Structure formats: C-alpha cells, structure tokens
Protein backbone atom coordinates (compact mmCIF):
# COMPACT_ATOMS: atom_id res chain seq x y z
CA UNK A 1 26.38 38.23 -0.56
CA UNK A 2 28.25 37.55 -3.98
CA UNK A 3 27.29 34.28 -5.91
CA UNK A 4 30.72 32.59 -4.48
CA UNK A 5 30.27 33.42 -1.37
CA UNK A 6 26.60 32.02 -1.76
CA UNK A 7 28.28 28.85 -3.43
CA UNK A 8 30.68 28.21 -0.23
CA UNK A 9 27.45 28.71 2.17
CA UNK A 10 25.70 25.80 0.73
CA UNK A 11 28.41 23.27 0.60
CA UNK A 12 28.88 24.58 3.98
CA UNK A 13 25.70 23.91 5.01
CA UNK A 14 25.40 20.78 2.84
CA UNK A 15 28.82 19.50 4.41
CA UNK A 16 27.09 19.90 8.42
CA UNK A 17 24.00 18.29 7.26
CA UNK A 18 25.78 15.23 5.99
CA UNK A 19 28.63 14.82 8.71
CA UNK A 20 25.36 15.19 11.35
CA UNK A 21 22.69 12.41 9.05
CA UNK A 22 25.49 10.23 8.66
CA UNK A 23 26.03 9.00 12.47
CA UNK A 24 24.99 5.38 12.17
CA UNK A 25 21.57 3.07 10.88
CA UNK A 26 18.92 4.81 12.44
CA UNK A 27 19.78 8.26 11.20
CA UNK A 28 20.51 7.39 7.96
CA UNK A 29 17.06 5.50 7.65
CA UNK A 30 15.13 8.10 8.77
CA UNK A 31 17.30 11.32 6.52
CA UNK A 32 16.18 9.19 3.47
CA UNK A 33 12.48 8.54 4.55
CA UNK A 34 12.25 12.35 5.37
CA UNK A 35 13.88 13.44 2.34
CA UNK A 36 11.27 11.01 0.12
CA UNK A 37 8.43 12.42 1.70
CA UNK A 38 9.34 15.40 1.32
CA UNK A 39 10.27 15.01 -2.49
CA UNK A 40 8.20 12.22 -3.82
CA UNK A 41 10.20 12.46 -7.42
CA UNK A 42 13.39 11.27 -5.52
CA UNK A 43 12.17 7.70 -5.51
CA UNK A 44 15.67 6.67 -4.88
CA UNK A 45 15.54 8.18 -1.57
CA UNK A 46 12.74 5.80 -0.34
CA UNK A 47 14.44 2.58 -1.87
CA UNK A 48 17.56 3.69 0.14
CA UNK A 49 15.60 4.26 3.53
CA UNK A 50 14.29 0.32 2.91
CA UNK A 51 17.72 -1.12 1.91
CA UNK A 52 19.14 0.59 5.05
CA UNK A 53 16.15 -0.95 6.99
CA UNK A 54 17.54 -4.47 5.49
CA UNK A 55 21.05 -3.07 7.19
CA UNK A 56 19.78 -2.59 10.17
CA UNK A 57 18.01 -6.09 10.70
CA UNK A 58 21.86 -7.66 9.51
CA UNK A 59 23.76 -5.74 11.81
CA UNK A 60 21.12 -6.81 14.85
CA UNK A 61 20.98 -10.15 13.81
CA UNK A 62 24.62 -9.98 14.10
CA UNK A 63 23.93 -10.23 17.74
CA UNK A 64 20.99 -11.98 18.60
CA UNK A 65 20.93 -15.62 19.42
CA UNK A 66 22.07 -17.38 16.42
CA UNK A 67 25.03 -15.75 15.21
CA UNK A 68 26.58 -14.99 18.46
CA UNK A 69 26.55 -18.62 19.41
CA UNK A 70 28.45 -19.78 15.91
CA UNK A 71 30.14 -16.23 14.95
CA UNK A 72 33.11 -14.96 17.46
CA UNK A 73 33.23 -11.67 18.48
CA UNK A 74 35.65 -10.55 16.25
CA UNK A 75 34.03 -12.01 13.05
CA UNK A 76 30.98 -10.37 13.97
CA UNK A 77 32.57 -7.10 14.77
CA UNK A 78 33.67 -7.46 11.07
CA UNK A 79 31.17 -8.25 9.32
CA UNK A 80 29.76 -5.05 11.26
CA UNK A 81 31.58 -2.87 10.27
CA UNK A 82 30.89 -3.94 6.46
CA UNK A 83 27.85 -3.42 6.45
CA UNK A 84 28.16 0.25 8.66
CA UNK A 85 31.33 0.99 5.98
CA UNK A 86 29.48 0.45 3.23
CA UNK A 87 26.49 2.37 4.30
CA UNK A 88 28.56 5.17 5.65
CA UNK A 89 29.88 5.72 2.08
CA UNK A 90 26.92 5.82 0.55
CA UNK A 91 25.12 7.79 2.45
CA UNK A 92 28.13 10.15 2.34
CA UNK A 93 27.82 10.10 -1.69
CA UNK A 94 24.18 10.06 -2.14
CA UNK A 95 23.14 12.57 0.42
CA UNK A 96 24.64 15.70 -0.57
CA UNK A 97 23.08 15.37 -3.77
CA UNK A 98 19.83 14.68 -2.77
CA UNK A 99 20.82 18.19 -0.27
CA UNK A 100 21.74 19.92 -3.60
CA UNK A 101 18.28 19.46 -5.58
CA UNK A 102 17.19 20.46 -2.69
CA UNK A 103 18.78 23.71 -2.61
CA UNK A 104 18.54 23.63 -6.81
CA UNK A 105 14.40 23.51 -6.59
CA UNK A 106 14.61 26.51 -3.60
CA UNK A 107 16.54 28.47 -5.63
CA UNK A 108 14.91 27.80 -9.20
CA UNK A 109 18.02 26.62 -11.07
CA UNK A 110 20.02 24.03 -11.40
CA UNK A 111 23.34 24.28 -8.74
CA UNK A 112 24.81 20.69 -9.86
CA UNK A 113 28.07 22.43 -11.29
CA UNK A 114 28.54 22.29 -6.78
CA UNK A 115 28.80 18.55 -7.11
CA UNK A 116 32.09 17.94 -8.04
CA UNK A 117 33.26 20.16 -4.33
CA UNK A 118 31.32 17.14 -2.78
CA UNK A 119 33.52 14.11 -5.24
CA UNK A 120 30.29 12.92 -6.75
CA UNK A 121 31.21 11.37 -9.74
CA UNK A 122 30.97 13.06 -13.05
CA UNK A 123 28.19 10.37 -14.17
CA UNK A 124 25.88 11.76 -11.68
CA UNK A 125 26.44 15.26 -12.41
CA UNK A 126 25.16 14.51 -16.06
CA UNK A 127 22.60 12.74 -14.86
CA UNK A 128 21.26 15.51 -12.59
CA UNK A 129 21.30 17.79 -15.21
CA UNK A 130 19.38 15.02 -17.27
CA UNK A 131 16.85 14.43 -14.45
CA UNK A 132 16.32 18.59 -14.03
CA UNK A 133 15.93 19.13 -18.04
CA UNK A 134 13.46 15.87 -18.19
CA UNK A 135 12.43 14.61 -15.26
CA UNK A 136 12.69 11.09 -15.97
CA UNK A 137 12.25 9.35 -13.10
CA UNK A 138 13.08 5.72 -13.16
CA UNK A 139 16.12 6.75 -15.12
CA UNK A 140 17.64 8.85 -12.55
CA UNK A 141 16.57 6.06 -9.49
CA UNK A 142 18.54 3.07 -11.92
CA UNK A 143 21.48 5.48 -12.11
CA UNK A 144 21.47 6.57 -8.36
CA UNK A 145 22.08 2.85 -7.76
CA UNK A 146 24.19 2.40 -10.80
CA UNK A 147 26.51 4.94 -8.55
CA UNK A 148 26.22 4.11 -4.97
CA UNK A 149 27.30 0.32 -6.38
CA UNK A 150 30.22 1.06 -7.88
CA UNK A 151 31.00 3.44 -5.61
CA UNK A 152 31.19 0.79 -3.04
CA UNK A 153 33.01 -1.66 -5.21
CA UNK A 154 36.90 -0.95 -4.41
CA UNK A 155 36.87 0.35 -0.86
CA UNK A 156 34.44 -2.33 0.17
CA UNK A 157 33.84 -5.22 -1.87
CA UNK A 158 37.44 -5.28 -2.64
CA UNK A 159 38.93 -3.85 0.02
CA UNK A 160 41.60 -6.65 0.94
CA UNK A 161 40.96 -7.36 4.91
CA UNK A 162 36.73 -7.23 4.10
CA UNK A 163 37.61 -9.42 1.16
CA UNK A 164 39.88 -11.79 2.99
CA UNK A 165 38.06 -12.08 6.00
CA UNK A 166 34.44 -11.36 5.48
CA UNK A 167 33.30 -12.14 1.62
CA UNK A 168 35.94 -15.09 2.02
CA UNK A 169 35.27 -16.14 5.28
CA UNK A 170 33.27 -19.15 6.11
CA UNK A 171 30.30 -16.96 7.95
CA UNK A 172 29.94 -14.99 5.23
CA UNK A 173 29.82 -18.06 2.77
CA UNK A 174 27.36 -19.76 5.33
CA UNK A 175 24.82 -17.62 5.11
CA UNK A 176 25.54 -16.49 1.23
CA UNK A 177 24.33 -20.60 0.87
CA UNK A 178 21.23 -20.11 2.47
CA UNK A 179 20.60 -17.42 0.37
CA UNK A 180 20.51 -14.59 3.24
CA UNK A 181 21.71 -12.00 0.76
CA UNK A 182 18.28 -10.80 0.58
CA UNK A 183 16.60 -8.15 0.77
CA UNK A 184 13.11 -8.19 2.60
CA UNK A 185 10.36 -5.84 1.89
CA UNK A 186 7.41 -6.35 4.84
CA UNK A 187 3.74 -5.04 5.19
CA UNK A 188 1.84 -5.02 8.04
CA UNK A 189 -0.74 -7.87 6.88
CA UNK A 190 2.75 -10.51 7.68
CA UNK A 191 3.39 -10.93 4.27
CA UNK A 192 7.07 -10.40 3.27
CA UNK A 193 8.09 -9.82 -0.72
CA UNK A 194 11.75 -9.25 -2.00
CA UNK A 195 14.65 -10.51 -3.95
CA UNK A 196 18.04 -12.37 -3.51
CA UNK A 197 21.33 -11.14 -4.75
CA UNK A 198 23.30 -14.77 -5.67
CA UNK A 199 27.60 -13.22 -6.59
CA UNK A 200 27.15 -10.44 -4.38
CA UNK A 201 30.46 -9.34 -5.28
CA UNK A 202 29.96 -8.62 -8.73
CA UNK A 203 28.52 -5.22 -9.13
CA UNK A 204 26.83 -5.92 -11.82
CA UNK A 205 24.65 -8.64 -9.70
CA UNK A 206 23.74 -5.92 -7.33
CA UNK A 207 22.63 -3.03 -9.71
CA UNK A 208 20.06 -5.51 -10.97
CA UNK A 209 19.31 -6.69 -7.27
CA UNK A 210 18.86 -2.63 -6.77
CA UNK A 211 16.53 -2.11 -9.67
CA UNK A 212 14.53 -5.24 -8.79
CA UNK A 213 13.72 -3.88 -5.91
CA UNK A 214 12.60 -0.26 -7.25
CA UNK A 215 10.67 -1.88 -9.46
CA UNK A 216 8.70 -3.80 -6.27
CA UNK A 217 8.29 -0.22 -4.71
CA UNK A 218 7.39 1.89 -7.14
CA UNK A 219 5.76 -0.16 -9.75
CA UNK A 220 4.71 -3.53 -8.10
CA UNK A 221 0.81 -3.77 -7.61
CA UNK A 222 2.08 -4.26 -3.61
CA UNK A 223 3.58 -0.29 -3.43
CA UNK A 224 0.96 0.88 -1.45
CA UNK A 225 1.71 -1.68 1.55
CA UNK A 226 5.31 -0.73 1.29
CA UNK A 227 4.84 2.90 1.84
CA UNK A 228 2.50 2.24 4.87
CA UNK A 229 4.91 0.10 6.49
CA UNK A 230 7.14 2.44 6.32
CA UNK A 231 4.89 5.29 7.72
CA UNK A 232 3.66 3.37 10.48
CA UNK A 233 6.47 1.52 11.79
CA UNK A 234 9.66 3.08 13.17
CA UNK A 235 13.26 1.69 12.24
CA UNK A 236 14.62 0.18 15.74
CA UNK A 237 17.05 -1.64 13.65
CA UNK A 238 15.42 -5.09 15.23
CA UNK A 239 13.49 -7.77 12.67
CA UNK A 240 10.99 -7.62 15.90
CA UNK A 241 9.80 -3.99 13.25
CA UNK A 242 8.28 -6.76 10.88
CA UNK A 243 8.28 -9.96 12.57
CA UNK A 244 5.64 -8.47 15.10
CA UNK A 245 3.58 -8.87 12.04
CA UNK A 246 4.64 -12.17 10.62
CA UNK A 247 4.91 -14.19 14.05
CA UNK A 248 1.74 -12.32 16.46
CA UNK A 249 1.52 -15.01 18.25
CA UNK A 250 5.50 -15.42 18.84
CA UNK A 251 6.94 -13.22 21.81
CA UNK A 252 10.75 -12.30 21.17
CA UNK A 253 12.65 -9.42 22.91
CA UNK A 254 13.93 -7.01 19.99
CA UNK A 255 17.76 -6.34 19.98
CA UNK A 256 17.74 -2.36 19.76
CA UNK A 257 20.66 -1.43 17.05
CA UNK A 258 21.50 1.83 18.78
CA UNK A 259 21.79 -0.14 22.55
CA UNK A 260 23.90 -3.21 20.84
CA UNK A 261 26.14 -0.61 19.04
CA UNK A 262 28.31 2.52 19.74
CA UNK A 263 29.10 5.05 17.51
CA UNK A 264 31.80 4.11 14.06
CA UNK A 265 33.95 7.05 13.34
CA UNK A 266 34.36 7.39 9.80
CA UNK A 267 37.26 8.78 7.40
CA UNK A 268 36.53 8.86 3.49
CA UNK A 269 38.99 7.72 1.67
CA UNK A 270 40.52 9.41 -1.24
CA UNK A 271 38.51 7.81 -3.89
CA UNK A 272 39.36 8.13 -7.92
CA UNK A 273 36.04 8.59 -9.99
CA UNK A 274 34.33 5.49 -10.73
CA UNK A 275 32.86 6.66 -14.19
CA UNK A 276 36.31 7.68 -15.72
CA UNK A 277 37.14 3.98 -16.47
CA UNK A 278 33.95 2.62 -16.79
CA UNK A 279 32.34 1.49 -20.01
CA UNK A 280 29.25 0.28 -21.49
CA UNK A 281 27.00 2.27 -18.81
CA UNK A 282 23.89 2.25 -20.61
CA UNK A 283 23.53 -1.82 -20.19
CA UNK A 284 22.33 -0.89 -17.35
CA UNK A 285 19.26 0.72 -18.20
CA UNK A 286 17.97 -2.15 -20.65
CA UNK A 287 14.60 -3.96 -20.33
CA UNK A 288 14.44 -5.14 -16.63
CA UNK A 289 12.77 -9.11 -16.23
CA UNK A 290 11.71 -9.74 -12.72
CA UNK A 291 11.63 -13.79 -11.08
CA UNK A 292 8.07 -15.05 -10.63
CA UNK A 293 8.38 -15.78 -6.84
CA UNK A 294 8.47 -12.19 -5.68
CA UNK A 295 5.90 -13.24 -2.38
CA UNK A 296 9.25 -14.44 0.19
CA UNK A 297 6.63 -14.80 3.11
CA UNK A 298 7.02 -18.69 3.01
CA UNK A 299 10.81 -18.55 1.96
CA UNK A 300 11.33 -16.66 5.49
CA UNK A 301 9.68 -19.24 7.80
CA UNK A 302 11.40 -22.09 5.80
CA UNK A 303 15.11 -20.15 5.60
CA UNK A 304 14.73 -19.37 9.21
CA UNK A 305 15.16 -22.87 10.32
CA UNK A 306 17.40 -23.56 7.54
CA UNK A 307 19.95 -21.29 9.50
CA UNK A 308 19.15 -22.60 12.53
CA UNK A 309 20.23 -26.21 11.09
CA UNK A 310 22.65 -24.87 9.44
CA UNK A 311 24.72 -23.36 12.67
CA UNK A 312 24.03 -26.27 14.63
CA UNK A 313 25.79 -28.30 11.94
CA UNK A 314 28.22 -25.89 11.30
CA UNK A 315 28.97 -25.94 15.34
CA UNK A 316 29.58 -29.73 15.09
CA UNK A 317 31.36 -29.65 12.20
CA UNK A 318 33.78 -26.13 12.55
CA UNK A 319 34.00 -25.67 15.67
CA UNK A 320 37.62 -25.54 15.79
CA UNK A 321 38.39 -23.76 12.18
CA UNK A 322 38.48 -20.76 10.88
CA UNK A 323 37.46 -18.52 13.84
CA UNK A 324 33.93 -19.93 14.09
CA UNK A 325 34.46 -21.52 18.06
CA UNK A 326 38.25 -19.98 18.55
CA UNK A 327 39.89 -17.63 17.60
CA UNK A 328 43.16 -17.89 15.84
C-alpha cells in the first residue's frame, strides 16, 4: 500500500468512527472517557466526558417536572437542540484529533499533517505537533479548550436563531439569573464541586470556566474522587446518577436521556478557520485564578429550591408572555 493510500485509509476510518460515535450525548460521553482511559496523557478527553455528562443532565432536566411545567415544548426543544448542536460540533472536530493522535502512537510517528483533511484549525495543528515534541499535558488541554469554545462561537452562540430564541429568551435568562450555567463534578460521598460561568455568550468566559474545571479535575485535592465516580457510575443523562448520593433517602424516577429524545441528524456547516483571524491567544495560558468556594453541595441544595420558587413566580408573572405558557 502506498503512503497516500495508507493515509486515505486512516482518514476514512477516522471519519467512520467519528460519525458512529457522534450519535447522541450518551455515546459521546462514553467515548471521551474510554479514550482517556486508553490514553491518560490526553486529559482533555476526561474533562470533555464530565462536561458532556452535565450537558446530558441539562437535556433531561428540560423534560423533568419543573421545566416541563414552565417552558412550552417548542422552547424546550430549542434549548435541547442548542446543547445537542454545540456538543455535536465539538465532538465532530475533537474526536478526529484524538483518533489521529492514537494512530500516531501506533505508527510511532506524528500524522498531524492529516488534520487539515478534518477541517481542524491551524491553531490545533501547531499545538498537536508541539505536544508530540514536548509532552506538555496542561498546554494541550488548555489549547483544546480554547479551540472548542471558539469553534462553537459563530455556528451556535452567535447563530441568529439560537441567539434570539435561546440566549436572549426569558427561559435562558431565568436559568442564568439563578446561576444554573454551572458545571458540576459529583462524588460518591454526595459532595458536589464545580464552577459557574457568567456571561456565557463570551468566549473568554467559557474558556476560563474550562480551565478552572481542568484544574479541579486534574490538579485539585478532589481529583481521585471524580475519577472514582466516573469509573463507578454509568452515564444515563439523568441527575439521578449522582443525586442518589446527594439525597440518599429521597426517591426519584430518573429521566433517561435515550428514552426522552430521538437521535438528531446533523449537517456540519462549512466553517472558516477561526484561528486565522483571532489574535492574542497567548493570554489564555496565563496563570489561573481559582475562586475560594469550589464545594457547591450547599449551593446545590439552595439553588434547587430557588429554581422551583423562580418557576412558580414566573408562572404567576409571565404566564402569557414570550411563549412561557402560551405560544404565539
């Protein structure tokens, strides 16, 4: 087999494996973690799996008791599609990078010259070569965070439909006001840790959130507890996965994601390389500041009550506005 034919075969295999794995939130979550277990030096993949778990929790919440009684089906579906679209795009871009790294390890030489065939940014092409040469794990996970958040900025965050109907909508603003734009890392002892992002639409804020989550997952004293949880608890999409430890005496019927949502057929848009026109990326590697309060267990209890009270209040005030109770 010629080197060109060999390269084409690798590209086709990676495309097929990516398409097969990008079915839904469950498949993405499982594959991210599986890759990390096989290649523990690629820590971003473990971070992606836990963030993907949170996306699944948010998706299932939309059909749970509180959101289903306060947000009409059309809005709930838009919110679901926003989560789904962003996570689909990230996987479609990141998983080929991971698999090409795996192929490079098998071949004993870097194959990153094939990255342009997957429309991977020039920024990440350079970062993979640097990682192959220097092995700086933190630099790589930071670079992948930077890449993924820039990747979704135009097609999701700034997309006219999502921007108007989701990010500027009343349901999203209620969620943001209650600080539910939060990523949580649970443990088997019922403690919850995590960080919130304020100003979610700004790419720099999401990158900061991602870096803080990476610190929490890989460099904090609680890293082993998160690893243990992920090894023990399969991902179903339901918050019951961890609330069974937070509220051990409280019975709850879990909302299983694959019983709620059908598979979504996506088309990848033709996206320009975000890194060609983006400057000052080095600023994202500066020393990280960590908020003092990272144990969110008590916060979680309080915010659940706050959310319920907020929805009850919303039912009274906004029942005929903006599609909350009655669609236009």
